[in-house]
N, C-alpha and C. Protein backbone atom coordinates (compact mmCIF):
# COMPACT_ATOMS: atom_id res chain seq x y z
N MET A 1 43.10 -35.68 -22.02
CA MET A 1 41.77 -36.23 -21.58
C MET A 1 41.81 -36.05 -20.41
N ALA A 2 42.27 -35.65 -19.08
CA ALA A 2 41.51 -35.42 -17.74
C ALA A 2 41.46 -33.97 -17.47
N ASP A 3 42.40 -33.19 -18.72
CA ASP A 3 41.69 -31.55 -18.72
C ASP A 3 40.27 -31.09 -20.01
N SER A 4 40.30 -32.62 -20.69
CA SER A 4 38.77 -32.63 -20.94
C SER A 4 37.91 -33.12 -19.95
N THR A 5 37.56 -33.71 -19.66
CA THR A 5 36.13 -33.75 -18.50
C THR A 5 36.80 -32.73 -17.50
N ALA A 6 38.15 -32.62 -16.98
CA ALA A 6 37.81 -30.76 -15.91
C ALA A 6 36.94 -30.23 -16.32
N ALA A 7 37.31 -29.67 -17.46
CA ALA A 7 36.11 -28.71 -18.89
C ALA A 7 34.96 -28.99 -18.91
N ASP A 8 34.85 -30.09 -18.72
CA ASP A 8 33.42 -30.72 -18.77
C ASP A 8 32.73 -30.16 -17.37
N ASP A 9 33.24 -30.88 -16.81
CA ASP A 9 32.32 -30.78 -15.18
C ASP A 9 32.47 -29.13 -14.72
N THR A 10 33.69 -28.32 -16.03
CA THR A 10 33.32 -27.56 -14.96
C THR A 10 31.89 -26.46 -15.35
N ASP A 11 32.41 -27.03 -16.78
CA ASP A 11 31.02 -26.32 -17.61
C ASP A 11 29.73 -26.62 -17.34
N LYS A 12 29.03 -27.84 -16.40
CA LYS A 12 28.37 -28.71 -16.06
C LYS A 12 28.13 -27.90 -15.01
N ALA A 13 28.76 -27.93 -14.05
CA ALA A 13 28.37 -26.50 -12.91
C ALA A 13 28.22 -24.55 -13.13
N ILE A 14 28.71 -24.91 -13.38
CA ILE A 14 28.73 -22.99 -14.44
C ILE A 14 26.80 -23.45 -14.77
N ALA A 15 27.02 -24.58 -15.99
CA ALA A 15 25.33 -24.02 -16.19
C ALA A 15 24.21 -24.48 -15.03
N ALA A 16 24.70 -25.60 -14.10
CA ALA A 16 23.55 -25.42 -13.18
C ALA A 16 23.40 -24.32 -12.29
N ALA A 17 24.67 -24.15 -11.41
CA ALA A 17 24.29 -22.97 -11.24
C ALA A 17 23.97 -21.50 -11.38
N ASP A 18 23.95 -21.20 -13.09
CA ASP A 18 23.30 -20.38 -13.95
C ASP A 18 21.40 -20.57 -13.54
N SER A 19 21.37 -21.90 -14.06
CA SER A 19 19.71 -22.65 -13.37
C SER A 19 19.59 -22.38 -11.86
N ASP A 20 19.82 -22.34 -10.95
CA ASP A 20 19.20 -22.01 -10.00
C ASP A 20 19.81 -20.69 -9.83
N ILE A 21 19.96 -19.96 -10.86
CA ILE A 21 20.39 -18.55 -10.10
C ILE A 21 19.33 -17.94 -10.64
N ARG A 22 18.90 -18.40 -12.09
CA ARG A 22 17.16 -18.49 -13.01
C ARG A 22 15.92 -18.66 -12.30
N GLU A 23 16.44 -20.01 -11.80
CA GLU A 23 15.20 -20.09 -10.23
C GLU A 23 15.07 -19.28 -9.04
N SER A 24 16.21 -18.66 -8.68
CA SER A 24 15.92 -18.11 -7.12
C SER A 24 15.55 -16.52 -8.05
N ASP A 25 15.71 -16.50 -9.04
CA ASP A 25 15.64 -14.74 -9.63
C ASP A 25 14.27 -15.18 -10.00
N ALA A 26 13.06 -16.29 -10.87
CA ALA A 26 12.36 -16.11 -10.61
C ALA A 26 11.21 -16.19 -9.09
N THR A 27 11.31 -16.66 -8.41
CA THR A 27 11.16 -16.13 -6.63
C THR A 27 11.03 -15.64 -6.25
N ALA A 28 12.34 -14.76 -6.44
CA ALA A 28 12.75 -13.21 -6.14
C ALA A 28 11.42 -11.59 -7.30
N ASP A 29 11.26 -12.08 -8.46
CA ASP A 29 10.84 -11.35 -9.09
C ASP A 29 8.96 -11.57 -8.66
N ASP A 30 8.46 -12.79 -8.17
CA ASP A 30 7.17 -13.20 -7.71
C ASP A 30 7.34 -12.51 -6.14
N ASP A 31 8.52 -12.54 -5.46
CA ASP A 31 7.73 -11.77 -3.94
C ASP A 31 8.01 -9.94 -4.45
N ALA A 32 8.36 -9.86 -5.26
CA ALA A 32 8.89 -8.10 -5.39
C ALA A 32 7.62 -8.22 -6.34
N ALA A 33 6.82 -8.74 -7.81
CA ALA A 33 4.94 -8.52 -7.62
C ALA A 33 4.05 -8.28 -6.04
N SER A 34 4.26 -9.22 -5.71
CA SER A 34 3.69 -9.34 -4.77
C SER A 34 3.71 -7.69 -3.57
N ASP A 35 4.82 -7.62 -3.72
CA ASP A 35 5.32 -6.28 -2.97
C ASP A 35 5.04 -4.85 -4.17
N HIS A 36 4.93 -5.50 -4.58
CA HIS A 36 4.53 -3.73 -5.93
C HIS A 36 3.58 -3.09 -5.23
N TRP A 37 4.44 -1.76 -5.92
CA TRP A 37 3.27 -0.47 -5.01
C TRP A 37 1.79 -0.70 -5.43
N SER A 38 1.36 -0.78 -6.71
CA SER A 38 0.12 -0.89 -7.01
C SER A 38 -0.33 -2.45 -6.63
N VAL A 39 -0.44 -3.27 -5.33
CA VAL A 39 -0.73 -4.45 -4.92
C VAL A 39 -1.67 -3.76 -4.02
N VAL A 40 -3.32 -4.33 -4.23
CA VAL A 40 -3.87 -3.81 -3.06
C VAL A 40 -3.94 -4.52 -2.30
N LYS A 41 -4.21 -3.95 -0.37
CA LYS A 41 -3.73 -4.37 0.66
C LYS A 41 -6.17 -4.94 0.49
N PHE A 42 -6.70 -3.78 0.53
CA PHE A 42 -7.76 -4.37 1.25
C PHE A 42 -8.92 -2.51 0.15
N VAL A 43 -9.89 -3.12 0.16
CA VAL A 43 -10.75 -1.72 -0.36
C VAL A 43 -11.96 -1.66 1.05
N ALA A 44 -12.31 -0.19 0.68
CA ALA A 44 -13.50 0.13 1.09
C ALA A 44 -14.07 1.37 0.05
N HIS A 45 -15.18 1.24 0.26
CA HIS A 45 -16.43 2.61 -0.16
C HIS A 45 -17.25 3.18 0.51
N ASP A 46 -17.22 4.45 -0.41
CA ASP A 46 -17.43 5.59 1.06
C ASP A 46 -19.03 5.19 0.90
N GLU A 47 -19.75 6.18 1.28
CA GLU A 47 -21.22 6.02 1.73
C GLU A 47 -22.08 7.07 -0.03
N ASP A 48 -21.21 7.44 -0.84
CA ASP A 48 -21.24 7.65 -2.66
C ASP A 48 -21.05 6.83 -3.02
N GLY A 49 -20.60 5.24 -2.33
CA GLY A 49 -20.13 3.81 -3.16
C GLY A 49 -19.20 4.20 -4.19
N ARG A 50 -17.91 4.68 -3.66
CA ARG A 50 -16.72 4.68 -4.46
C ARG A 50 -15.88 4.14 -4.09
N TYR A 51 -15.76 2.84 -4.79
CA TYR A 51 -14.79 1.67 -4.21
C TYR A 51 -13.10 2.88 -4.25
N ILE A 52 -12.41 2.36 -3.08
CA ILE A 52 -11.41 3.76 -2.42
C ILE A 52 -10.56 2.31 -1.50
N PRO A 53 -9.73 1.29 -3.37
CA PRO A 53 -8.18 1.14 -2.47
C PRO A 53 -7.60 1.57 -1.40
N THR A 54 -6.57 0.44 -0.52
CA THR A 54 -5.67 0.59 -0.12
C THR A 54 -4.43 -0.04 -0.90
N ARG A 55 -3.49 0.70 -1.24
CA ARG A 55 -2.51 0.12 -2.30
C ARG A 55 -1.44 -0.36 -1.17
N GLN A 56 -0.52 -1.57 -1.64
CA GLN A 56 1.51 -1.36 -1.09
C GLN A 56 2.13 -0.45 -0.82
N GLY A 57 2.02 0.17 -1.85
CA GLY A 57 2.31 2.00 -1.99
C GLY A 57 4.09 1.67 -2.10
N ASN A 58 4.54 2.83 -1.64
CA ASN A 58 5.65 3.25 -0.90
C ASN A 58 5.75 4.28 0.17
N ARG A 59 7.38 5.04 0.04
CA ARG A 59 7.56 5.96 0.60
C ARG A 59 6.86 6.96 0.30
N SER A 60 6.63 7.66 -0.75
CA SER A 60 5.52 7.97 -1.35
C SER A 60 4.09 8.43 -0.92
N PHE A 61 3.27 6.85 -0.90
CA PHE A 61 2.06 7.17 -0.92
C PHE A 61 1.49 5.43 -0.31
N GLY A 62 0.44 5.39 -0.48
CA GLY A 62 0.15 3.65 -0.03
C GLY A 62 -0.06 3.40 1.89
N TRP A 63 -0.40 2.29 2.13
CA TRP A 63 0.06 1.18 2.96
C TRP A 63 1.76 1.98 3.49
N VAL A 64 2.39 1.45 2.41
CA VAL A 64 4.29 1.71 3.61
C VAL A 64 4.78 3.19 3.86
N HIS A 65 3.68 4.30 3.09
CA HIS A 65 3.71 5.25 3.06
C HIS A 65 3.60 5.75 5.03
N PHE A 66 2.10 5.54 5.39
CA PHE A 66 1.46 5.78 6.58
C PHE A 66 1.38 4.61 8.10
N SER A 67 1.95 3.87 7.57
CA SER A 67 1.55 2.36 8.58
C SER A 67 2.84 2.32 9.12
N GLY A 68 3.97 2.92 9.50
CA GLY A 68 5.23 3.32 9.71
C GLY A 68 4.90 4.76 10.13
N PRO A 69 5.38 6.10 9.44
CA PRO A 69 5.68 6.40 10.01
C PRO A 69 4.45 7.24 10.83
N HIS A 70 3.11 6.56 10.91
CA HIS A 70 2.09 7.84 11.65
C HIS A 70 1.17 6.81 12.01
N ASN A 71 1.51 5.41 12.28
CA ASN A 71 1.64 4.51 13.04
C ASN A 71 0.30 3.98 13.04
N ILE A 72 -0.26 3.55 12.00
CA ILE A 72 -1.66 3.14 11.50
C ILE A 72 -1.47 2.06 10.93
N HIS A 73 -2.26 1.39 11.65
CA HIS A 73 -1.68 -0.47 11.18
C HIS A 73 -3.15 -1.35 11.04
N SER A 74 -3.65 -1.14 10.69
CA SER A 74 -5.08 -1.26 11.22
C SER A 74 -6.24 -1.24 9.88
N GLU A 75 -6.57 -2.13 9.27
CA GLU A 75 -7.01 -1.32 8.22
C GLU A 75 -8.61 -0.89 8.65
N LYS A 76 -8.86 -1.49 9.40
CA LYS A 76 -10.11 -0.65 10.27
C LYS A 76 -10.31 0.84 10.07
N VAL A 77 -9.54 1.43 10.94
CA VAL A 77 -9.38 2.88 10.94
C VAL A 77 -9.52 3.22 9.61
N ILE A 78 -8.24 2.61 8.95
CA ILE A 78 -9.07 3.40 7.70
C ILE A 78 -10.43 2.91 6.81
N LYS A 79 -10.92 2.33 7.27
CA LYS A 79 -12.35 2.24 6.71
C LYS A 79 -13.16 2.83 7.51
N ALA A 80 -12.90 3.15 8.60
CA ALA A 80 -14.06 3.64 9.65
C ALA A 80 -13.98 5.25 8.94
N ALA A 81 -12.54 5.79 8.55
CA ALA A 81 -13.16 7.28 7.48
C ALA A 81 -13.89 7.51 5.98
N VAL A 82 -13.46 5.85 5.20
CA VAL A 82 -13.16 6.38 3.86
C VAL A 82 -15.36 6.10 4.37
N ASN A 83 -15.83 5.35 4.87
CA ASN A 83 -16.91 4.66 4.58
C ASN A 83 -17.86 6.36 5.16
N GLN A 84 -17.22 7.87 5.30
CA GLN A 84 -18.90 8.23 5.28
C GLN A 84 -17.87 9.07 3.83
N HIS A 85 -19.16 10.13 3.97
CA HIS A 85 -18.77 10.94 2.73
C HIS A 85 -17.90 11.74 2.55
N PRO A 86 -17.73 12.40 1.78
CA PRO A 86 -15.80 13.68 1.57
C PRO A 86 -15.90 14.38 1.71
N GLU A 87 -15.02 14.90 2.50
CA GLU A 87 -15.30 16.88 3.73
C GLU A 87 -15.15 17.33 2.70
N ARG A 88 -15.26 18.39 3.25
CA ARG A 88 -15.64 19.60 1.79
C ARG A 88 -14.25 19.51 1.78
N GLY A 89 -14.00 20.73 0.12
CA GLY A 89 -11.97 20.32 0.36
C GLY A 89 -12.08 19.00 -0.49
N SER A 90 -12.46 18.31 -0.70
CA SER A 90 -12.72 17.42 -1.38
C SER A 90 -12.94 17.46 -3.07
N THR A 91 -12.22 17.33 -4.07
CA THR A 91 -12.50 17.82 -5.63
C THR A 91 -12.78 16.12 -6.04
N LYS A 92 -13.01 16.42 -7.59
CA LYS A 92 -13.33 15.14 -8.35
C LYS A 92 -12.48 14.26 -8.58
N THR A 93 -10.35 14.27 -8.23
CA THR A 93 -9.98 12.88 -7.98
C THR A 93 -9.16 13.27 -6.94
N ARG A 94 -9.22 14.01 -6.07
CA ARG A 94 -8.95 13.65 -5.35
C ARG A 94 -10.23 14.15 -4.04
N LYS A 95 -10.47 12.95 -2.98
CA LYS A 95 -10.80 12.71 -1.70
C LYS A 95 -10.38 12.93 -0.82
N VAL A 96 -11.22 13.55 0.21
CA VAL A 96 -10.43 13.69 1.72
C VAL A 96 -11.55 13.07 2.47
N TYR A 97 -10.82 12.27 3.81
CA TYR A 97 -12.36 11.86 4.30
C TYR A 97 -11.97 11.84 6.15
N GLY A 98 -12.52 11.86 6.63
CA GLY A 98 -11.97 12.09 8.16
C GLY A 98 -13.94 10.97 9.11
N ALA A 99 -12.62 11.13 10.61
CA ALA A 99 -13.42 10.33 11.13
C ALA A 99 -12.72 9.97 12.98
N VAL A 100 -13.50 10.40 13.77
CA VAL A 100 -13.02 10.22 14.62
C VAL A 100 -13.40 9.20 15.48
N LEU A 101 -12.62 8.76 16.22
CA LEU A 101 -12.55 7.18 16.15
C LEU A 101 -12.19 7.07 17.72
N TYR A 102 -12.79 6.39 18.95
CA TYR A 102 -13.44 6.63 20.63
C TYR A 102 -13.01 4.80 21.20
N ASP A 103 -12.11 5.39 21.80
CA ASP A 103 -12.54 3.76 22.35
C ASP A 103 -14.12 2.97 22.89
N THR A 104 -13.57 1.82 24.05
CA THR A 104 -14.64 1.51 24.28
C THR A 104 -15.42 2.64 25.54
N LEU A 105 -14.99 3.47 26.02
CA LEU A 105 -15.27 3.57 27.43
C LEU A 105 -15.73 5.55 26.66
N GLY A 106 -15.63 6.16 25.50
CA GLY A 106 -16.14 7.00 24.63
C GLY A 106 -14.93 8.11 24.79
N ILE A 107 -13.75 7.64 25.21
CA ILE A 107 -12.84 8.31 25.28
C ILE A 107 -12.21 8.63 23.84
N ILE A 108 -12.37 10.15 23.13
CA ILE A 108 -11.65 10.50 21.92
C ILE A 108 -10.41 9.61 21.58
N LEU A 109 -10.49 8.88 20.97
CA LEU A 109 -8.68 8.49 21.04
C LEU A 109 -7.94 9.27 19.59
N ALA A 110 -8.55 9.84 18.72
CA ALA A 110 -7.79 10.32 17.82
C ALA A 110 -8.87 11.14 17.11
N LYS A 111 -9.01 11.67 16.06
CA LYS A 111 -9.19 12.48 15.30
C LYS A 111 -8.23 11.94 13.76
N VAL A 112 -9.02 11.01 12.71
CA VAL A 112 -8.42 10.72 11.06
C VAL A 112 -8.56 11.10 10.62
N LYS A 113 -7.66 11.91 10.02
CA LYS A 113 -7.62 12.00 7.72
C LYS A 113 -7.03 11.13 7.62
N VAL A 114 -7.83 10.87 6.23
CA VAL A 114 -7.23 9.00 4.99
C VAL A 114 -7.65 10.68 3.52
N ILE A 115 -6.42 10.88 3.22
CA ILE A 115 -6.80 11.49 2.20
C ILE A 115 -6.72 10.61 0.60
N ALA A 116 -7.22 10.86 -0.67
CA ALA A 116 -7.32 9.41 -1.27
C ALA A 116 -7.07 9.69 -2.89
N GLN A 117 -6.86 9.44 -3.39
CA GLN A 117 -6.34 9.25 -4.99
C GLN A 117 -7.33 8.82 -5.72
N TYR A 118 -8.39 10.02 -6.30
CA TYR A 118 -10.12 9.11 -6.81
C TYR A 118 -9.70 9.05 -8.72
N HIS A 119 -8.10 8.36 -9.53
CA HIS A 119 -7.77 9.01 -10.69
C HIS A 119 -6.92 7.45 -10.29
N TRP A 120 -6.75 7.33 -11.88
CA TRP A 120 -5.91 5.99 -11.98
C TRP A 120 -4.48 6.59 -12.27
N GLU A 121 -4.56 7.85 -12.18
CA GLU A 121 -2.84 8.42 -11.81
C GLU A 121 -2.53 9.11 -10.83
N THR A 122 -1.12 9.10 -10.52
CA THR A 122 -1.53 9.80 -8.91
C THR A 122 -1.19 12.28 -9.35
N SER A 123 -1.44 12.46 -8.87
CA SER A 123 -1.53 14.08 -8.91
C SER A 123 -0.44 14.23 -10.02
N ASP A 124 0.72 13.88 -9.62
CA ASP A 124 2.09 14.32 -9.93
C ASP A 124 2.50 13.68 -11.24
N HIS A 125 1.92 12.85 -11.33
CA HIS A 125 1.71 12.37 -12.87
C HIS A 125 3.39 10.44 -12.70
N LYS A 126 3.43 10.37 -11.32
CA LYS A 126 4.46 9.90 -11.35
C LYS A 126 4.07 8.24 -11.40
N TYR A 127 3.16 8.11 -10.84
CA TYR A 127 2.53 6.33 -10.62
C TYR A 127 0.78 6.22 -11.71
N LYS A 128 0.97 4.94 -12.17
CA LYS A 128 -0.01 5.25 -12.96
C LYS A 128 -0.74 3.91 -13.03
N LEU A 129 -2.23 3.52 -13.57
CA LEU A 129 -2.08 2.19 -13.37
C LEU A 129 -2.47 2.14 -14.40
N ALA A 130 -2.69 0.86 -15.11
CA ALA A 130 -2.63 0.64 -16.48
C ALA A 130 -4.28 0.39 -17.24
N ASP A 131 -5.38 -0.07 -15.97
CA ASP A 131 -6.32 0.31 -16.21
C ASP A 131 -6.90 1.37 -15.51
N THR A 132 -7.35 1.82 -16.66
CA THR A 132 -7.88 3.92 -16.59
C THR A 132 -8.58 3.98 -15.77
N ASP A 133 -9.96 2.98 -15.67
CA ASP A 133 -10.78 3.20 -15.19
C ASP A 133 -10.66 2.12 -12.99
N ASP A 134 -9.36 1.89 -13.06
CA ASP A 134 -8.89 2.21 -11.74
C ASP A 134 -8.75 3.08 -11.01
N LYS A 135 -8.07 2.74 -9.36
CA LYS A 135 -8.67 3.98 -8.77
C LYS A 135 -6.78 3.92 -7.77
N ILE A 136 -6.38 4.93 -8.00
CA ILE A 136 -4.92 4.74 -6.98
C ILE A 136 -5.12 4.55 -5.85
N GLY A 137 -6.39 5.64 -5.22
CA GLY A 137 -6.86 4.83 -3.34
C GLY A 137 -6.29 6.12 -2.74
N VAL A 138 -5.92 5.43 -1.23
CA VAL A 138 -5.66 6.24 -0.38
C VAL A 138 -3.92 6.56 -0.27
N ILE A 139 -3.84 7.76 -0.31
CA ILE A 139 -2.30 8.38 -0.84
C ILE A 139 -1.55 8.40 0.80
N THR A 140 -2.52 8.63 1.69
CA THR A 140 -2.04 9.15 3.73
C THR A 140 -3.39 8.61 4.22
N ALA A 141 -2.39 8.77 5.60
CA ALA A 141 -3.73 8.56 6.81
C ALA A 141 -2.74 8.60 7.66
N PHE A 142 -3.48 10.11 8.30
CA PHE A 142 -2.52 10.66 9.44
C PHE A 142 -3.78 11.39 11.46
N CYS A 143 -3.84 10.91 11.76
CA CYS A 143 -4.00 11.37 13.03
C CYS A 143 -4.25 13.18 13.02
N GLN A 144 -4.87 13.82 13.38
CA GLN A 144 -4.65 15.23 13.73
C GLN A 144 -3.63 15.34 14.55
N GLY A 145 -2.95 16.65 14.57
CA GLY A 145 -2.59 17.60 15.87
C GLY A 145 -1.10 16.45 16.98
N VAL A 146 -0.41 15.16 15.94
CA VAL A 146 -0.04 14.73 16.17
C VAL A 146 0.88 14.32 15.54
N ASN A 147 2.34 13.49 15.61
CA ASN A 147 3.06 13.14 14.44
C ASN A 147 2.66 12.28 14.44
N LYS A 148 2.26 11.50 15.86
CA LYS A 148 2.02 9.59 15.25
C LYS A 148 0.68 9.51 16.21
N CYS A 149 -0.09 8.62 15.36
CA CYS A 149 -1.26 7.80 15.84
C CYS A 149 -1.05 7.56 17.28
N PRO A 150 -2.03 6.79 17.89
CA PRO A 150 -1.68 6.18 19.25
C PRO A 150 -2.46 4.32 18.98
N ASP A 151 -1.41 3.91 20.03
CA ASP A 151 -1.42 2.64 19.86
C ASP A 151 -2.31 2.29 19.99
N ALA A 152 -3.11 2.99 20.87
CA ALA A 152 -4.70 1.49 21.11
C ALA A 152 -5.63 2.43 19.79
N LEU A 153 -5.48 3.19 18.99
CA LEU A 153 -5.77 3.25 17.83
C LEU A 153 -6.48 2.17 17.14
N ASN A 154 -5.27 1.46 16.86
CA ASN A 154 -4.94 -0.15 16.62
C ASN A 154 -5.89 -1.19 16.81
N ARG A 155 -6.65 -0.84 17.89
CA ARG A 155 -7.35 -1.80 19.36
C ARG A 155 -8.72 -1.65 18.28
N VAL A 156 -9.26 -0.69 17.86
CA VAL A 156 -10.71 -0.64 17.53
C VAL A 156 -10.89 -0.67 16.41
């Protein structure tokens, strides 16, 4: 009889552990969903009214791609460039934006380029949005002539 009770207690402990794991998995899934590459961090519109989102992205594109390696941590930097007309060299699905950003004394901090995919899938077809009317948005952003943008750029 003692063996039967011990077995019941073990079964209950395993069931409780399984339910705890399922609950923590759900929380992990929720966290993963908020970090999914397609989550929009912020949106800008160019002078032609185009909707250009900046998505969470990953190492290949989006916020994760450019914020670390290129040292751009302020959405104002992206919006300053995107709020212009696309530059020459832009196509129907690939938009190139540029801006010269100055400090409060009028000294040039950096010349910023932003490349955006104005289509529902990336040009390499690896990433697709469910809504074909939506746009991938910002692929990368960088300062011309340097590997990393100056820290002061993020205080503009």
